[in-house]
Amino acid sequence: MSLDAAIRITEILLALAFLQQSIEHFHAPRNEQCLFVPRFILSILLLLGFQTQWVCLALVILGLFILKRFQGPYNGGSDRMSLLILCCLSLVLFMPTTQWKEYVFGYLALQLVLSYFIAGWVKIINPEWRNGRALQDVFRFSAYPVSEALRKWADWPRLLCLMSWGVMLFELLFPLTLLTQTTLVIGLIIAATFHFTNACLFGLNRFFWIWLAAYPAILWLQQRIFIAG
């Protein structure tokens, strides 16, 4: 995958993620609509490839107003990843040379790798994740499950312990997927399936779309390092 192709795919995926996020606010109070309707329009322009440099810059500025409105990334990790991808993409588009574009785009890819590894590390040092109790609490007490029937999963502690270890080991070993193009593709498919499952079980749909938007960067970086040399 060439750098230009990876950047363009990132623009498209980020635009789709922002469109989905913006639609959620169409029936919000007017002060929110004033932020997310323009974001929706800018995302369409980004999707179409119209003046992407300036559209991304406008999205960054609008993102700062959204941060002020909600006093931070109100939707947690997905909003932080949204801003990271948007800022990196904006910098890439304004970089004067290909070398600097590669530095910035490579930084985005490394941040994606760290997002999985650090998530796994935080979990594995927590005894409640190691014994499956953390997932039990999620299913039993949290507001996340989209169906009350899913709360019955809390009655299967061995299954949840196995699931906990599966998630932790995958996240910790994710950097090893960079060794070959095949292992990376398999790793990204597993990661995307994980995010999609969370969207179905817990309604965390934003994580699925925004993490996908960072995948072109890591696919490009793996090829750049191990194939292009």
Protein backbone atom coordinates (compact mmCIF):
# COMPACT_ATOMS: atom_id res chain seq x y z
CA MET A 1 0.00 0.00 0.00
CA SER A 2 1.45 3.35 -1.02
CA LEU A 3 1.57 6.28 1.37
CA ASP A 4 -0.88 8.30 -0.71
CA ALA A 5 -3.34 5.41 -0.86
CA ALA A 6 -3.10 4.83 2.90
CA ILE A 7 -3.69 8.52 3.59
CA ARG A 8 -6.72 8.63 1.30
CA ILE A 9 -8.25 5.50 2.86
CA THR A 10 -7.68 7.04 6.30
CA GLU A 11 -9.52 10.18 5.17
CA ILE A 12 -12.48 8.10 3.99
CA LEU A 13 -12.69 5.94 7.12
CA LEU A 14 -12.29 8.95 9.42
CA ALA A 15 -15.01 10.80 7.53
CA LEU A 16 -17.38 7.84 7.90
CA ALA A 17 -16.62 7.61 11.62
CA PHE A 18 -17.26 11.34 12.08
CA LEU A 19 -20.51 11.14 10.12
CA GLN A 20 -21.74 8.40 12.45
CA GLN A 21 -20.68 10.35 15.53
CA SER A 22 -22.28 13.57 14.27
CA ILE A 23 -25.66 11.97 13.48
CA GLU A 24 -25.96 11.00 17.15
CA HIS A 25 -26.23 14.72 18.01
CA PHE A 26 -28.81 15.78 15.42
CA HIS A 27 -31.59 15.72 18.03
CA ALA A 28 -29.43 17.13 20.83
CA PRO A 29 -29.80 20.65 22.30
CA ARG A 30 -29.21 23.47 19.85
CA ASN A 31 -25.75 24.33 21.19
CA GLU A 32 -24.63 20.81 20.32
CA GLN A 33 -26.24 20.88 16.89
CA CYS A 34 -24.26 24.03 16.12
CA LEU A 35 -21.10 21.96 16.58
CA PHE A 36 -22.04 18.63 15.03
CA VAL A 37 -24.02 19.76 11.99
CA PRO A 38 -20.94 21.63 10.65
CA ARG A 39 -18.87 18.56 11.54
CA PHE A 40 -21.25 16.44 9.49
CA ILE A 41 -20.91 18.77 6.49
CA LEU A 42 -17.10 18.88 6.78
CA SER A 43 -17.00 15.09 7.02
CA ILE A 44 -18.91 14.81 3.73
CA LEU A 45 -16.34 17.11 2.10
CA LEU A 46 -13.52 14.98 3.52
CA LEU A 47 -15.24 11.85 2.23
CA LEU A 48 -15.42 13.40 -1.23
CA GLY A 49 -11.76 14.47 -1.12
CA PHE A 50 -12.57 18.18 -1.44
CA GLN A 51 -9.77 20.46 -0.16
CA THR A 52 -8.80 17.85 2.41
CA GLN A 53 -6.03 19.98 3.96
CA TRP A 54 -8.34 22.80 4.94
CA VAL A 55 -11.24 20.53 5.78
CA CYS A 56 -9.06 18.64 8.26
CA LEU A 57 -7.82 21.89 9.75
CA ALA A 58 -11.42 23.09 10.16
CA LEU A 59 -12.30 19.76 11.81
CA VAL A 60 -9.40 20.19 14.26
CA ILE A 61 -10.59 23.68 15.21
CA LEU A 62 -14.16 22.41 15.55
CA GLY A 63 -12.85 19.54 17.66
CA LEU A 64 -11.36 22.05 20.11
CA PHE A 65 -14.76 23.71 20.49
CA ILE A 66 -16.32 20.30 21.11
CA LEU A 67 -13.71 19.60 23.80
CA LYS A 68 -14.59 22.90 25.44
CA ARG A 69 -18.32 22.19 25.22
CA PHE A 70 -18.00 18.84 26.99
CA GLN A 71 -15.00 19.80 29.15
CA GLY A 72 -12.86 17.08 27.63
CA PRO A 73 -13.29 13.92 25.51
CA TYR A 74 -16.75 13.07 26.83
CA ASN A 75 -16.87 9.68 25.13
CA GLY A 76 -13.52 8.55 26.50
CA GLY A 77 -11.10 6.52 24.42
CA SER A 78 -12.97 6.77 21.14
CA ASP A 79 -12.90 10.58 21.26
CA ARG A 80 -9.20 10.59 22.11
CA MET A 81 -8.47 8.26 19.21
CA SER A 82 -10.62 10.46 16.95
CA LEU A 83 -8.55 13.52 17.83
CA LEU A 84 -5.28 11.61 17.47
CA ILE A 85 -6.13 10.39 13.98
CA LEU A 86 -7.49 13.77 12.93
CA CYS A 87 -4.44 15.70 14.19
CA CYS A 88 -1.99 13.24 12.62
CA LEU A 89 -3.87 13.30 9.33
CA SER A 90 -3.92 17.11 9.35
CA LEU A 91 -0.18 17.25 9.99
CA VAL A 92 0.48 14.73 7.23
CA LEU A 93 -1.47 16.82 4.74
CA PHE A 94 0.48 19.96 5.63
CA MET A 95 3.95 18.39 5.76
CA PRO A 96 6.26 19.83 3.06
CA THR A 97 8.12 16.61 2.21
CA THR A 98 7.33 12.92 1.84
CA GLN A 99 9.83 12.07 4.58
CA TRP A 100 7.99 14.19 7.13
CA LYS A 101 4.66 12.76 6.00
CA GLU A 102 6.06 9.29 6.70
CA TYR A 103 7.26 10.32 10.16
CA VAL A 104 3.83 11.61 11.17
CA PHE A 105 1.90 8.73 9.61
CA GLY A 106 4.30 6.25 11.19
CA TYR A 107 3.68 7.90 14.57
CA LEU A 108 -0.06 7.26 14.14
CA ALA A 109 0.64 3.60 13.40
CA LEU A 110 2.83 3.23 16.50
CA GLN A 111 0.14 4.87 18.64
CA LEU A 112 -2.31 2.25 17.39
CA VAL A 113 0.07 -0.53 18.41
CA LEU A 114 0.52 1.06 21.84
CA SER A 115 -3.23 1.45 22.27
CA TYR A 116 -3.60 -2.34 22.22
CA PHE A 117 -0.44 -3.18 24.16
CA ILE A 118 -1.06 -0.68 26.96
CA ALA A 119 -4.69 -1.80 27.25
CA GLY A 120 -3.47 -5.36 27.71
CA TRP A 121 -0.82 -4.33 30.23
CA VAL A 122 -3.30 -2.35 32.34
CA LYS A 123 -5.59 -5.37 32.42
CA ILE A 124 -3.03 -8.05 33.20
CA ILE A 125 -1.62 -6.24 36.25
CA ASN A 126 -5.15 -6.06 37.64
CA PRO A 127 -6.01 -9.25 39.60
CA GLU A 128 -9.71 -8.78 38.86
CA TRP A 129 -8.99 -9.09 35.15
CA ARG A 130 -6.78 -12.13 35.70
CA ASN A 131 -9.50 -14.01 37.58
CA GLY A 132 -12.35 -12.83 35.34
CA ARG A 133 -14.08 -10.79 38.03
CA ALA A 134 -13.79 -7.56 36.03
CA LEU A 135 -15.84 -8.98 33.15
CA GLN A 136 -18.34 -10.45 35.61
CA ASP A 137 -18.89 -6.98 37.05
CA VAL A 138 -19.30 -5.52 33.56
CA PHE A 139 -22.06 -7.96 32.70
CA ARG A 140 -23.72 -7.92 36.10
CA PHE A 141 -23.60 -4.28 37.20
CA SER A 142 -22.62 -1.92 34.38
CA ALA A 143 -25.01 -0.06 32.11
CA TYR A 144 -23.17 -1.29 29.01
CA PRO A 145 -24.91 -4.56 28.02
CA VAL A 146 -27.47 -3.77 25.33
CA SER A 147 -29.71 -6.62 26.47
CA GLU A 148 -30.75 -7.71 29.95
CA ALA A 149 -30.33 -11.31 28.81
CA LEU A 150 -26.59 -10.67 28.44
CA ARG A 151 -26.31 -10.11 32.18
CA LYS A 152 -26.76 -13.88 32.64
CA TRP A 153 -23.23 -14.25 31.27
CA ALA A 154 -22.06 -13.14 34.72
CA ASP A 155 -23.14 -16.58 35.95
CA TRP A 156 -20.42 -18.22 33.84
CA PRO A 157 -17.22 -17.22 35.69
CA ARG A 158 -14.96 -19.77 33.98
CA LEU A 159 -16.05 -18.63 30.53
CA LEU A 160 -15.48 -14.98 31.45
CA CYS A 161 -12.05 -15.80 32.91
CA LEU A 162 -11.13 -17.51 29.64
CA MET A 163 -12.42 -14.52 27.69
CA SER A 164 -10.42 -12.16 29.91
CA TRP A 165 -7.19 -14.00 29.27
CA GLY A 166 -7.92 -14.20 25.57
CA VAL A 167 -8.34 -10.43 25.37
CA MET A 168 -5.28 -9.69 27.51
CA LEU A 169 -2.95 -12.02 25.63
CA PHE A 170 -4.10 -10.76 22.24
CA GLU A 171 -3.57 -7.12 23.25
CA LEU A 172 -0.15 -7.80 24.77
CA LEU A 173 1.03 -9.82 21.77
CA PHE A 174 -0.41 -7.45 19.17
CA PRO A 175 3.00 -5.80 18.42
CA LEU A 176 4.22 -9.21 17.17
CA THR A 177 1.68 -9.09 14.35
CA LEU A 178 3.98 -6.58 12.64
CA LEU A 179 6.47 -9.36 11.85
CA THR A 180 4.75 -10.27 8.57
CA GLN A 181 2.02 -8.85 6.41
CA THR A 182 -0.05 -12.00 6.89
CA THR A 183 0.12 -11.94 10.68
CA LEU A 184 -0.74 -8.24 10.67
CA VAL A 185 -3.83 -8.77 8.50
CA ILE A 186 -4.93 -11.65 10.74
CA GLY A 187 -4.30 -9.52 13.84
CA LEU A 188 -6.31 -6.61 12.46
CA ILE A 189 -9.19 -8.91 11.53
CA ILE A 190 -9.22 -10.27 15.09
CA ALA A 191 -9.01 -6.75 16.52
CA ALA A 192 -11.84 -5.51 14.29
CA THR A 193 -13.94 -8.52 15.29
CA PHE A 194 -13.24 -7.70 18.94
CA HIS A 195 -14.42 -4.10 18.46
CA PHE A 196 -17.47 -5.26 16.49
CA THR A 197 -18.37 -7.72 19.26
CA ASN A 198 -18.11 -4.94 21.84
CA ALA A 199 -20.39 -2.81 19.67
CA CYS A 200 -22.98 -5.60 19.54
CA LEU A 201 -22.75 -6.60 23.22
CA PHE A 202 -22.18 -3.23 24.88
CA GLY A 203 -23.20 -0.62 22.32
CA LEU A 204 -19.62 0.69 21.98
CA ASN A 205 -20.06 1.36 18.27
CA ARG A 206 -17.76 4.38 18.16
CA PHE A 207 -14.71 2.27 19.02
CA PHE A 208 -15.30 -0.01 16.05
CA TRP A 209 -15.45 2.74 13.43
CA ILE A 210 -12.69 4.99 14.74
CA TRP A 211 -10.15 2.22 15.35
CA LEU A 212 -10.71 1.00 11.79
CA ALA A 213 -9.70 4.46 10.59
CA ALA A 214 -6.19 3.92 12.01
CA TYR A 215 -5.63 0.55 10.33
CA PRO A 216 -4.33 1.91 6.98
CA ALA A 217 -1.47 3.58 8.86
CA ILE A 218 -0.22 0.36 10.41
CA LEU A 219 -0.67 -1.58 7.16
CA TRP A 220 1.42 1.02 5.39
CA LEU A 221 4.08 1.08 8.15
CA GLN A 222 4.51 -2.69 8.14
CA GLN A 223 5.02 -2.65 4.39
CA ARG A 224 7.33 0.37 4.61
CA ILE A 225 9.60 -1.25 7.20
CA PHE A 226 9.72 -4.88 6.12
CA ILE A 227 9.18 -4.68 2.36
CA ALA A 228 10.30 -1.25 1.18
CA GLY A 229 13.19 -1.35 3.67
